[in-house]
Amino acid sequence: MTERTSHTTELTASPDVSREHGVHLLREMLRIRRFEERCVELYSAAKIRGFLHLYIGEEAVATGVMATLEPDDAVVSTYREHGHAIAKGIGMGPIMAEMFGKVDGVARGRGGSMHLFDAATRFYGGNAIVAGGIPLAVGIALADRMQGRDRVTVCFFGEGAVDEGAFHESINLASLWDAPVLFACENNRYSMGMALERAEAQTDLALKAAGYAVPAWHVDGMDVLAVEEGTRRAITAIRAGGGPAFIEYETYRFRAHSMYDPDLYRDPKEVEAWKQRDPIPALIETLQKLGHLDDAEVAALEAEVDAEVDAAVAFAEDSPLEPVEDLHRFVTSEVAP
């Protein structure tokens, strides 16, 4: 086992970013935001059924993290995973078709919003069980290490998952095994309807991870440049054989926990205060100050993203439902005689 001293630090970002990369980050955040805003409309029109957990407000985390990964790196997510899936490279059309329950969806319409999965991009869920993806991520990372593959696995989860035994068991084993995994905790302060300070005696979650001899630090999850810089530091160390790392991304969801949630447990003034830190206009302001972007270019980018979302909806609308006679397929393993 690699000897390492774990500690927690606060990481901030340098404002310097190239025009090309800055526009890429902005485009990715806009793609996630506009996709989910359309999902709200489609849910209200009963085109999308079941549970729907929106990522609006947290786009900087998915975008900044994915910017540091290689195509062969794996991602394990939660039920709030649309942003992760889009940023990992899964097409909007198959994601939207999955939300519609159509056969051209990433899981043939059988998984829906909470169970997106795409082996081609090494996106392994979408998991409806709180902390359920964490042991899977450690297993994937361990398999890569044992096979000598130069890969990293990123496991996203909310602060509520840190309450679960699966988190503590998994991070302990990852530390013992030097598993190349990044524990990416999206701390949006409310695990469903429970404020962090009412659920956790120790609210410094990075400090908890450090107790397992895992390097851990905090990152401003509302700043995409800070997210990318902090994540790159972790990914570089993990890929070099440094074992696992933990980052607590301090972020906030602007919408309720899910579409069924009346959201009565948050002070509206608190929500509005966090909206003033919206990562999208913050990046636009940074790029404009650097001379990388003007208002006309922002409008053109918005139009480009809107057209992509329109195409995704059209793809989902045109996709067929799975034939009734196929519903038993994939329920059990099909073994050739």
Protein backbone atom coordinates (compact mmCIF):
# COMPACT_ATOMS: atom_id res chain seq x y z
CA MET A 1 0.00 0.00 0.00
CA THR A 2 1.24 3.50 -0.79
CA GLU A 3 2.00 5.55 2.31
CA ARG A 4 0.28 8.90 2.17
CA THR A 5 -0.64 11.66 4.54
CA SER A 6 -4.17 12.89 4.05
CA HIS A 7 -5.20 16.45 4.68
CA THR A 8 -7.94 18.84 3.76
CA THR A 9 -7.37 22.12 1.95
CA GLU A 10 -9.46 24.75 0.20
CA LEU A 11 -8.67 25.11 -3.49
CA THR A 12 -9.46 28.20 -5.55
CA ALA A 13 -9.06 28.71 -9.28
CA SER A 14 -6.88 30.85 -11.46
CA PRO A 15 -9.04 33.12 -13.67
CA ASP A 16 -6.82 32.47 -16.70
CA VAL A 17 -8.42 30.29 -19.37
CA SER A 18 -8.05 30.14 -23.15
CA ARG A 19 -10.91 31.27 -25.35
CA GLU A 20 -11.38 27.82 -26.89
CA HIS A 21 -11.47 26.00 -23.59
CA GLY A 22 -13.58 28.64 -21.87
CA VAL A 23 -16.21 28.49 -24.61
CA HIS A 24 -16.18 24.67 -24.38
CA LEU A 25 -16.89 24.82 -20.64
CA LEU A 26 -19.66 27.37 -21.16
CA ARG A 27 -21.24 25.31 -23.94
CA GLU A 28 -21.29 22.19 -21.75
CA MET A 29 -22.95 23.99 -18.85
CA LEU A 30 -25.52 25.56 -21.18
CA ARG A 31 -26.25 22.16 -22.74
CA ILE A 32 -27.01 20.69 -19.33
CA ARG A 33 -29.08 23.69 -18.16
CA ARG A 34 -31.20 23.98 -21.31
CA PHE A 35 -31.73 20.21 -21.54
CA GLU A 36 -33.08 20.11 -18.01
CA GLU A 37 -35.21 23.21 -18.41
CA ARG A 38 -36.86 21.48 -21.37
CA CYS A 39 -37.32 18.37 -19.22
CA VAL A 40 -39.37 20.46 -16.79
CA GLU A 41 -41.70 21.46 -19.62
CA LEU A 42 -41.95 17.90 -20.90
CA TYR A 43 -42.63 16.55 -17.43
CA SER A 44 -45.45 19.06 -16.99
CA ALA A 45 -46.84 17.86 -20.34
CA ALA A 46 -46.66 14.21 -19.10
CA LYS A 47 -44.17 13.29 -21.82
CA ILE A 48 -41.70 12.32 -19.08
CA ARG A 49 -43.08 10.15 -16.27
CA GLY A 50 -41.83 8.84 -12.94
CA PHE A 51 -39.21 10.58 -10.84
CA LEU A 52 -37.17 13.49 -12.15
CA HIS A 53 -34.26 14.96 -10.18
CA LEU A 54 -32.84 18.12 -11.71
CA TYR A 55 -29.20 19.23 -11.70
CA ILE A 56 -29.92 22.90 -12.34
CA GLY A 57 -27.40 25.01 -10.43
CA GLU A 58 -24.77 22.25 -10.16
CA GLU A 59 -23.60 22.25 -13.81
CA ALA A 60 -20.11 23.49 -12.96
CA VAL A 61 -19.29 20.25 -11.14
CA ALA A 62 -20.12 17.84 -13.97
CA THR A 63 -18.53 20.09 -16.56
CA GLY A 64 -15.33 20.79 -14.64
CA VAL A 65 -14.82 17.17 -13.62
CA MET A 66 -15.37 15.71 -17.10
CA ALA A 67 -12.90 18.21 -18.57
CA THR A 68 -10.12 16.40 -16.69
CA LEU A 69 -10.96 12.85 -17.77
CA GLU A 70 -9.81 10.63 -20.62
CA PRO A 71 -12.39 8.74 -22.74
CA ASP A 72 -11.51 5.42 -21.05
CA ASP A 73 -12.05 6.75 -17.54
CA ALA A 74 -15.23 5.52 -15.89
CA VAL A 75 -18.03 7.46 -14.21
CA VAL A 76 -20.52 6.13 -11.67
CA SER A 77 -23.37 8.48 -10.83
CA THR A 78 -26.57 8.93 -8.82
CA TYR A 79 -30.22 9.47 -9.62
CA ARG A 80 -29.40 13.17 -10.34
CA GLU A 81 -27.23 12.22 -13.31
CA HIS A 82 -28.44 13.96 -16.48
CA GLY A 83 -25.64 16.52 -16.26
CA HIS A 84 -22.99 13.87 -15.69
CA ALA A 85 -24.25 11.82 -18.64
CA ILE A 86 -24.31 14.78 -21.05
CA ALA A 87 -20.87 15.98 -19.99
CA LYS A 88 -19.46 12.44 -20.30
CA GLY A 89 -20.42 12.41 -23.98
CA ILE A 90 -23.71 10.53 -24.19
CA GLY A 91 -25.91 12.07 -26.88
CA MET A 92 -28.87 14.19 -25.84
CA GLY A 93 -31.17 12.25 -28.18
CA PRO A 94 -30.69 8.82 -26.53
CA ILE A 95 -30.90 10.42 -23.08
CA MET A 96 -34.16 12.16 -23.91
CA ALA A 97 -35.56 9.01 -25.52
CA GLU A 98 -34.75 7.16 -22.30
CA MET A 99 -36.66 9.78 -20.33
CA PHE A 100 -39.62 9.24 -22.68
CA GLY A 101 -39.44 5.46 -22.11
CA LYS A 102 -38.66 4.88 -25.80
CA VAL A 103 -36.69 2.01 -27.32
CA ASP A 104 -33.94 4.28 -28.69
CA GLY A 105 -33.07 5.38 -25.17
CA VAL A 106 -29.71 4.44 -23.65
CA ALA A 107 -31.41 1.59 -21.75
CA ARG A 108 -34.17 0.91 -24.29
CA GLY A 109 -36.53 3.05 -22.21
CA ARG A 110 -36.40 0.65 -19.29
CA GLY A 111 -34.35 2.77 -16.91
CA GLY A 112 -35.76 6.24 -17.24
CA SER A 113 -34.33 9.35 -15.64
CA MET A 114 -32.63 7.63 -12.69
CA HIS A 115 -30.93 4.76 -14.52
CA LEU A 116 -28.98 6.12 -17.47
CA PHE A 117 -26.21 3.73 -18.56
CA ASP A 118 -23.84 3.67 -21.50
CA ALA A 119 -21.00 1.16 -21.73
CA ALA A 120 -19.52 2.85 -24.82
CA THR A 121 -18.66 5.97 -22.78
CA ARG A 122 -17.99 3.95 -19.59
CA PHE A 123 -20.91 5.64 -17.86
CA TYR A 124 -22.07 3.06 -15.31
CA GLY A 125 -25.27 4.59 -13.94
CA GLY A 126 -27.48 6.21 -12.68
CA ASN A 127 -28.25 4.52 -9.33
CA ALA A 128 -31.47 5.11 -7.39
CA ILE A 129 -30.03 3.83 -4.09
CA VAL A 130 -28.25 6.46 -2.01
CA ALA A 131 -24.55 5.46 -1.90
CA GLY A 132 -25.35 2.42 -4.04
CA GLY A 133 -22.87 3.39 -6.74
CA ILE A 134 -19.91 3.87 -4.40
CA PRO A 135 -19.01 0.17 -3.93
CA LEU A 136 -19.44 -0.35 -7.68
CA ALA A 137 -17.00 2.44 -8.41
CA VAL A 138 -14.38 0.99 -6.09
CA GLY A 139 -14.80 -2.39 -7.77
CA ILE A 140 -14.39 -0.91 -11.25
CA ALA A 141 -11.29 1.01 -10.13
CA LEU A 142 -9.80 -2.06 -8.45
CA ALA A 143 -10.35 -4.14 -11.59
CA ASP A 144 -8.56 -1.51 -13.68
CA ARG A 145 -5.63 -1.43 -11.25
CA MET A 146 -5.35 -5.23 -11.17
CA GLN A 147 -5.39 -5.35 -14.97
CA GLY A 148 -2.74 -2.64 -15.22
CA ARG A 149 -5.00 -0.25 -17.12
CA ASP A 150 -4.24 3.46 -17.00
CA ARG A 151 -7.75 4.45 -15.97
CA VAL A 152 -9.45 6.45 -13.24
CA THR A 153 -13.00 5.99 -11.95
CA VAL A 154 -14.98 8.99 -10.72
CA CYS A 155 -17.86 8.31 -8.35
CA PHE A 156 -20.41 11.09 -7.87
CA PHE A 157 -22.64 11.17 -4.79
CA GLY A 158 -24.38 13.71 -2.60
CA GLU A 159 -23.53 14.65 0.96
CA GLY A 160 -26.38 12.44 2.18
CA ALA A 161 -24.46 9.37 1.00
CA VAL A 162 -21.72 10.13 3.50
CA ASP A 163 -24.21 9.02 6.19
CA GLU A 164 -24.30 5.54 4.69
CA GLY A 165 -22.19 2.58 5.75
CA ALA A 166 -21.46 1.80 2.09
CA PHE A 167 -19.49 5.04 1.83
CA HIS A 168 -17.32 4.33 4.86
CA GLU A 169 -16.70 0.69 3.94
CA SER A 170 -15.87 1.61 0.34
CA ILE A 171 -13.49 4.49 1.01
CA ASN A 172 -11.69 2.39 3.61
CA LEU A 173 -11.14 -0.44 1.12
CA ALA A 174 -10.18 1.98 -1.64
CA SER A 175 -7.52 3.41 0.64
CA LEU A 176 -6.22 -0.04 1.61
CA TRP A 177 -6.14 -1.20 -2.03
CA ASP A 178 -4.81 2.02 -3.61
CA ALA A 179 -7.82 1.96 -5.92
CA PRO A 180 -7.63 4.68 -8.61
CA VAL A 181 -10.95 6.30 -7.71
CA LEU A 182 -12.03 9.89 -7.12
CA PHE A 183 -14.81 10.23 -4.55
CA ALA A 184 -16.68 13.27 -5.91
CA CYS A 185 -19.07 14.50 -3.23
CA GLU A 186 -21.56 17.06 -4.52
CA ASN A 187 -22.52 18.78 -1.29
CA ASN A 188 -25.71 20.69 -2.10
CA ARG A 189 -26.51 21.03 1.63
CA TYR A 190 -29.83 19.16 1.61
CA SER A 191 -30.01 15.37 1.33
CA MET A 192 -33.57 15.29 0.05
CA GLY A 193 -35.15 17.58 2.68
CA MET A 194 -32.63 17.34 5.52
CA ALA A 195 -30.16 20.18 6.09
CA LEU A 196 -26.58 18.99 6.47
CA GLU A 197 -26.11 20.46 9.93
CA ARG A 198 -29.17 18.56 11.17
CA ALA A 199 -27.94 15.22 9.85
CA GLU A 200 -24.15 15.30 10.35
CA ALA A 201 -22.36 15.98 13.63
CA GLN A 202 -19.22 16.69 11.58
CA THR A 203 -20.18 18.87 8.62
CA ASP A 204 -16.64 19.02 7.18
CA LEU A 205 -17.04 16.03 4.89
CA ALA A 206 -13.51 16.23 3.52
CA LEU A 207 -12.28 15.84 7.09
CA LYS A 208 -14.23 12.59 7.37
CA ALA A 209 -12.59 11.25 4.23
CA ALA A 210 -9.17 12.27 5.53
CA GLY A 211 -9.78 9.92 8.44
CA TYR A 212 -9.30 7.03 6.00
CA ALA A 213 -5.86 8.29 4.94
CA VAL A 214 -7.33 9.67 1.72
CA PRO A 215 -6.19 13.11 0.50
CA ALA A 216 -9.27 15.33 0.63
CA TRP A 217 -10.11 18.94 -0.01
CA HIS A 218 -12.90 21.41 -0.65
CA VAL A 219 -13.64 23.09 -3.98
CA ASP A 220 -16.08 25.87 -4.86
CA GLY A 221 -18.60 23.87 -6.87
CA MET A 222 -20.17 27.04 -8.29
CA ASP A 223 -16.95 27.95 -10.13
CA VAL A 224 -16.26 25.69 -13.11
CA LEU A 225 -12.62 26.79 -13.30
CA ALA A 226 -12.07 25.95 -9.63
CA VAL A 227 -13.76 22.58 -10.16
CA GLU A 228 -11.54 21.77 -13.12
CA GLU A 229 -8.35 22.88 -11.38
CA GLY A 230 -9.09 21.00 -8.17
CA THR A 231 -10.19 17.87 -10.00
CA ARG A 232 -7.17 17.87 -12.30
CA ARG A 233 -4.93 17.94 -9.25
CA ALA A 234 -6.71 14.85 -7.90
CA ILE A 235 -6.84 12.97 -11.20
CA THR A 236 -3.15 13.58 -11.87
CA ALA A 237 -2.19 12.18 -8.46
CA ILE A 238 -4.51 9.18 -8.80
CA ARG A 239 -3.25 8.34 -12.29
CA ALA A 240 0.33 8.50 -11.01
CA GLY A 241 -0.43 5.73 -8.52
CA GLY A 242 -1.25 7.88 -5.51
CA GLY A 243 -4.39 5.95 -4.58
CA PRO A 244 -7.85 7.44 -4.09
CA ALA A 245 -8.79 11.07 -3.43
CA PHE A 246 -11.89 12.82 -2.13
CA ILE A 247 -13.22 16.22 -3.17
CA GLU A 248 -16.12 18.00 -1.51
CA TYR A 249 -17.69 20.22 -4.19
CA GLU A 250 -19.67 22.90 -2.39
CA THR A 251 -22.65 23.50 -4.65
CA TYR A 252 -26.41 24.09 -4.59
CA ARG A 253 -29.44 22.89 -6.50
CA PHE A 254 -31.72 25.72 -7.53
CA ARG A 255 -34.75 23.45 -7.88
CA ALA A 256 -36.42 21.16 -5.39
CA HIS A 257 -35.08 17.68 -4.64
CA SER A 258 -37.40 16.23 -7.29
CA MET A 259 -40.46 17.25 -9.23
CA TYR A 260 -42.63 15.81 -6.43
CA ASP A 261 -40.94 17.88 -3.72
CA PRO A 262 -42.82 21.02 -2.50
CA ASP A 263 -39.48 22.39 -1.24
CA LEU A 264 -40.83 23.83 2.01
CA TYR A 265 -37.68 23.23 4.04
CA ARG A 266 -35.47 25.92 2.45
CA ASP A 267 -35.64 29.65 3.04
CA PRO A 268 -36.40 31.29 -0.34
CA LYS A 269 -33.85 33.99 0.54
CA GLU A 270 -31.18 31.30 0.78
CA VAL A 271 -32.09 29.93 -2.64
CA GLU A 272 -31.97 33.41 -4.16
CA ALA A 273 -28.60 34.09 -2.54
CA TRP A 274 -27.14 30.96 -4.13
CA LYS A 275 -28.65 31.88 -7.50
CA GLN A 276 -26.49 35.01 -7.39
CA ARG A 277 -23.54 32.59 -7.68
CA ASP A 278 -24.97 30.85 -10.77
CA PRO A 279 -21.93 29.28 -12.52
CA ILE A 280 -23.13 30.08 -16.05
CA PRO A 281 -23.33 33.89 -15.88
CA ALA A 282 -20.19 33.82 -13.69
CA LEU A 283 -18.20 32.14 -16.47
CA ILE A 284 -19.70 34.42 -19.12
CA GLU A 285 -18.55 37.42 -17.09
CA THR A 286 -15.04 35.96 -16.73
CA LEU A 287 -14.74 35.25 -20.46
CA GLN A 288 -16.00 38.70 -21.36
CA LYS A 289 -13.52 40.36 -18.99
CA LEU A 290 -10.74 38.36 -20.66
CA GLY A 291 -11.94 39.53 -24.07
CA HIS A 292 -12.82 35.99 -25.16
CA LEU A 293 -16.55 36.49 -25.72
CA ASP A 294 -19.09 39.18 -26.58
CA ASP A 295 -22.88 39.33 -26.29
CA ALA A 296 -23.44 38.30 -29.90
CA GLU A 297 -21.31 35.20 -29.45
CA VAL A 298 -23.19 34.27 -26.28
CA ALA A 299 -26.49 34.59 -28.16
CA ALA A 300 -25.16 32.41 -30.99
CA LEU A 301 -24.04 29.78 -28.49
CA GLU A 302 -27.48 29.82 -26.85
CA ALA A 303 -29.13 29.33 -30.25
CA GLU A 304 -26.81 26.42 -31.03
CA VAL A 305 -27.66 24.72 -27.74
CA ASP A 306 -31.40 25.34 -28.16
CA ALA A 307 -31.26 23.68 -31.59
CA GLU A 308 -29.51 20.64 -30.10
CA VAL A 309 -32.19 20.32 -27.42
CA ASP A 310 -34.94 20.66 -30.05
CA ALA A 311 -33.31 17.86 -32.06
CA ALA A 312 -33.12 15.65 -28.95
CA VAL A 313 -36.83 16.12 -28.27
CA ALA A 314 -37.67 15.35 -31.89
CA PHE A 315 -35.52 12.21 -31.71
CA ALA A 316 -37.37 11.07 -28.59
CA GLU A 317 -40.78 11.86 -30.07
CA ASP A 318 -39.96 9.83 -33.21
CA SER A 319 -38.53 6.86 -31.32
CA PRO A 320 -40.92 3.90 -31.01
CA LEU A 321 -42.08 2.27 -27.83
CA GLU A 322 -40.70 -1.20 -27.22
CA PRO A 323 -42.98 -3.91 -28.70
CA VAL A 324 -44.98 -5.76 -26.07
CA GLU A 325 -43.57 -9.08 -27.26
CA ASP A 326 -40.04 -7.86 -26.41
CA LEU A 327 -40.77 -6.91 -22.81
CA HIS A 328 -39.41 -10.21 -21.47
CA ARG A 329 -36.08 -9.69 -23.24
CA PHE A 330 -33.11 -8.85 -20.99
CA VAL A 331 -35.03 -9.89 -17.87
CA THR A 332 -33.03 -13.09 -17.67
CA SER A 333 -29.82 -14.14 -19.38
CA GLU A 334 -30.32 -15.62 -22.84
CA VAL A 335 -28.06 -18.63 -23.26
CA ALA A 336 -27.71 -20.15 -26.71
CA PRO A 337 -28.59 -23.88 -26.87
